[in-house]
């Protein structure tokens, strides 16, 4: 699970004067880690 969580990466992007954070897909058991602590995974694209 830890290895799968370490594979999740995020970057901050600016487009047309708007800022976004974009993350990679959850792979393997990464989703299970969020589920185990009762949290939902962050959105793939988040506008700041």
Protein backbone atom coordinates (compact mmCIF):
# COMPACT_ATOMS: atom_id res chain seq x y z
CA UNK A 1 0.00 0.00 0.00
CA UNK A 2 2.80 2.44 0.88
CA UNK A 3 4.50 1.82 -2.47
CA UNK A 4 1.23 2.52 -4.29
CA UNK A 5 0.69 5.73 -2.30
CA UNK A 6 4.23 6.88 -3.12
CA UNK A 7 3.36 6.61 -6.82
CA UNK A 8 0.64 9.27 -6.51
CA UNK A 9 2.07 12.57 -7.74
CA UNK A 10 0.53 16.02 -8.12
CA UNK A 11 1.54 19.16 -9.99
CA UNK A 12 0.30 22.74 -9.96
CA UNK A 13 -0.62 24.14 -13.38
CA UNK A 14 -1.63 27.59 -14.59
CA UNK A 15 -3.86 27.92 -17.67
CA UNK A 16 -5.62 31.04 -18.91
CA UNK A 17 -5.03 32.79 -15.60
CA UNK A 18 -6.50 29.93 -13.54
CA UNK A 19 -4.55 27.60 -11.27
CA UNK A 20 -5.12 23.86 -10.96
CA UNK A 21 -3.65 20.91 -9.10
CA UNK A 22 -3.63 17.70 -11.15
CA UNK A 23 -2.74 14.30 -9.70
CA UNK A 24 -1.95 10.93 -11.22
CA UNK A 25 -4.37 8.01 -11.11
CA UNK A 26 -4.52 5.87 -8.01
CA UNK A 27 -2.80 2.57 -8.78
CA UNK A 28 -2.81 -0.76 -7.00
CA UNK A 29 -4.02 -0.55 -3.39
CA UNK A 30 -3.70 3.24 -2.97
CA UNK A 31 -7.51 3.58 -2.90
CA UNK A 32 -7.67 1.08 -0.03
CA UNK A 33 -5.44 3.33 2.09
CA UNK A 34 -7.91 6.21 1.77
CA UNK A 35 -10.82 3.87 2.46
CA UNK A 36 -9.11 2.45 5.56
CA UNK A 37 -8.85 5.88 7.19
CA UNK A 38 -12.35 6.91 6.13
CA UNK A 39 -11.23 9.55 3.63
CA UNK A 40 -12.01 9.88 -0.02
CA UNK A 41 -9.15 10.32 -2.47
CA UNK A 42 -8.46 13.84 -3.72
CA UNK A 43 -10.00 14.81 -7.04
CA UNK A 44 -7.87 14.23 -10.14
CA UNK A 45 -8.20 17.91 -11.11
CA UNK A 46 -8.79 20.62 -8.54
CA UNK A 47 -9.19 24.29 -9.43
CA UNK A 48 -7.63 26.62 -6.87
